[in-house]
Structures are given as structure tokens and as C-alpha cells.
Amino acid sequence: MGWPPTVMMLLQAMELLGYLSPEAVPLSVYGHSFGSYLALGTAVQLKAEHSFRLDRLVVGGARATHVRINPLD
């Protein structure tokens, strides 16, 4: 699966800021809506390329306001 270039930029920024060092504090990532896709991509790439495992991966989202909850309505 190919991740958007944004995921690679996030990983580069995390490396530059020292978040991927062994001394780094536990790291959690949160993504909402499309950000949840980027958060997942970041977690997968961290594990695959840096052997770094997140402490928590939290994703969120909401149903679009024009989508009915009950299909019988």
C-alpha cells in the first residue's frame, strides 16, 4: 500500500525533532477523518522502517450530517 507523501514528511519531521530516538517519551498519534488515514500510515511506516512502536494510535471521525442514521427514515 502506498502512503501519501504527507506520511513520509511526518516521519522526517519526527526524526528531526528527536521523537524517534530511544530516549523519546512514549508517543501517541491522533487522527480525525482523513487524518486517521495519515495516522495509520505513520504508525505502519514507523514500525516497518524504524522498528518504532507507538504507545497509542487514536482515530476518530463522524458520520456526514447529510447521511441518515436509520435507513428506514
C-alpha atoms as a PDB file:
ATOM      1  CA  MET A   1       0.000   0.000   0.000  1.00  0.00           C
ATOM      2  CA  GLY A   2       1.379   3.381  -0.914  1.00  0.00           C
ATOM      3  CA  TRP A   3       1.017   6.081   1.707  1.00  0.00           C
ATOM      4  CA  PRO A   4       0.627   9.759   0.801  1.00  0.00           C
ATOM      5  CA  PRO A   5       3.822  11.851   0.757  1.00  0.00           C
ATOM      6  CA  THR A   6       2.482  13.572   3.873  1.00  0.00           C
ATOM      7  CA  VAL A   7       3.225  10.429   5.894  1.00  0.00           C
ATOM      8  CA  MET A   8       6.858  10.487   4.792  1.00  0.00           C
ATOM      9  CA  MET A   9       7.098  14.198   5.672  1.00  0.00           C
ATOM     10  CA  LEU A  10       5.659  13.463   9.135  1.00  0.00           C
ATOM     11  CA  LEU A  11       8.271  10.765   9.682  1.00  0.00           C
ATOM     12  CA  GLN A  12      11.087  13.079   8.591  1.00  0.00           C
ATOM     13  CA  ALA A  13       9.859  15.809  10.937  1.00  0.00           C
ATOM     14  CA  MET A  14       9.579  13.327  13.824  1.00  0.00           C
ATOM     15  CA  GLU A  15      13.133  12.162  13.187  1.00  0.00           C
ATOM     16  CA  LEU A  16      14.482  15.706  13.049  1.00  0.00           C
ATOM     17  CA  LEU A  17      12.703  16.632  16.288  1.00  0.00           C
ATOM     18  CA  GLY A  18      14.121  13.610  18.092  1.00  0.00           C
ATOM     19  CA  TYR A  19      10.836  11.760  18.561  1.00  0.00           C
ATOM     20  CA  LEU A  20      12.313   8.556  17.138  1.00  0.00           C
ATOM     21  CA  SER A  21      15.293   8.363  19.457  1.00  0.00           C
ATOM     22  CA  PRO A  22      15.458   5.537  22.026  1.00  0.00           C
ATOM     23  CA  GLU A  23      15.208   8.137  24.810  1.00  0.00           C
ATOM     24  CA  ALA A  24      11.969   9.585  23.433  1.00  0.00           C
ATOM     25  CA  VAL A  25       8.945   9.580  25.685  1.00  0.00           C
ATOM     26  CA  PRO A  26       6.046   7.271  24.759  1.00  0.00           C
ATOM     27  CA  LEU A  27       4.468   8.571  21.585  1.00  0.00           C
ATOM     28  CA  SER A  28       0.770   8.624  20.734  1.00  0.00           C
ATOM     29  CA  VAL A  29      -0.739   9.729  17.432  1.00  0.00           C
ATOM     30  CA  TYR A  30      -4.283  11.004  16.908  1.00  0.00           C
ATOM     31  CA  GLY A  31      -6.015  11.380  13.581  1.00  0.00           C
ATOM     32  CA  HIS A  32      -9.505  12.586  12.748  1.00  0.00           C
ATOM     33  CA  SER A  33     -11.290  11.988   9.469  1.00  0.00           C
ATOM     34  CA  PHE A  34      -8.626  11.842   6.716  1.00  0.00           C
ATOM     35  CA  GLY A  35      -6.058  12.406   9.456  1.00  0.00           C
ATOM     36  CA  SER A  36      -6.874   8.925  10.752  1.00  0.00           C
ATOM     37  CA  TYR A  37      -5.583   7.522   7.458  1.00  0.00           C
ATOM     38  CA  LEU A  38      -2.378   9.544   7.866  1.00  0.00           C
ATOM     39  CA  ALA A  39      -2.040   8.446  11.497  1.00  0.00           C
ATOM     40  CA  LEU A  40      -2.347   4.795  10.487  1.00  0.00           C
ATOM     41  CA  GLY A  41       0.176   5.267   7.688  1.00  0.00           C
ATOM     42  CA  THR A  42       2.578   6.920  10.106  1.00  0.00           C
ATOM     43  CA  ALA A  43       2.227   4.057  12.599  1.00  0.00           C
ATOM     44  CA  VAL A  44       2.790   1.411   9.908  1.00  0.00           C
ATOM     45  CA  GLN A  45       5.857   3.199   8.488  1.00  0.00           C
ATOM     46  CA  LEU A  46       7.316   3.792  11.963  1.00  0.00           C
ATOM     47  CA  LYS A  47       7.161   0.091  12.695  1.00  0.00           C
ATOM     48  CA  ALA A  48       8.387  -1.011   9.250  1.00  0.00           C
ATOM     49  CA  GLU A  49      11.243   1.438   8.742  1.00  0.00           C
ATOM     50  CA  HIS A  50      12.295   2.423  12.254  1.00  0.00           C
ATOM     51  CA  SER A  51      11.204  -0.549  14.409  1.00  0.00           C
ATOM     52  CA  PHE A  52       9.387   2.054  16.484  1.00  0.00           C
ATOM     53  CA  ARG A  53       6.053   1.202  18.007  1.00  0.00           C
ATOM     54  CA  LEU A  54       3.571   3.847  19.081  1.00  0.00           C
ATOM     55  CA  ASP A  55       2.243   3.854  22.605  1.00  0.00           C
ATOM     56  CA  ARG A  56      -1.262   4.644  21.295  1.00  0.00           C
ATOM     57  CA  LEU A  57      -2.963   5.134  17.944  1.00  0.00           C
ATOM     58  CA  VAL A  58      -6.249   7.002  18.314  1.00  0.00           C
ATOM     59  CA  VAL A  59      -8.544   7.673  15.375  1.00  0.00           C
ATOM     60  CA  GLY A  60     -11.855   9.464  15.194  1.00  0.00           C
ATOM     61  CA  GLY A  61     -14.487  10.567  12.799  1.00  0.00           C
ATOM     62  CA  ALA A  62     -18.138  11.314  12.438  1.00  0.00           C
ATOM     63  CA  ARG A  63     -20.885  10.462  10.018  1.00  0.00           C
ATOM     64  CA  ALA A  64     -21.593  13.151   7.460  1.00  0.00           C
ATOM     65  CA  THR A  65     -24.548  15.296   8.503  1.00  0.00           C
ATOM     66  CA  HIS A  66     -26.471  14.519   5.320  1.00  0.00           C
ATOM     67  CA  VAL A  67     -26.254  10.745   5.847  1.00  0.00           C
ATOM     68  CA  ARG A  68     -29.251   9.253   7.634  1.00  0.00           C
ATOM     69  CA  ILE A  69     -28.545   7.054  10.622  1.00  0.00           C
ATOM     70  CA  ASN A  70     -31.628   4.874  10.154  1.00  0.00           C
ATOM     71  CA  PRO A  71     -32.002   3.650   6.542  1.00  0.00           C
ATOM     72  CA  LEU A  72     -35.771   3.315   7.107  1.00  0.00           C
ATOM     73  CA  ASP A  73     -36.235   7.075   7.666  1.00  0.00           C
END
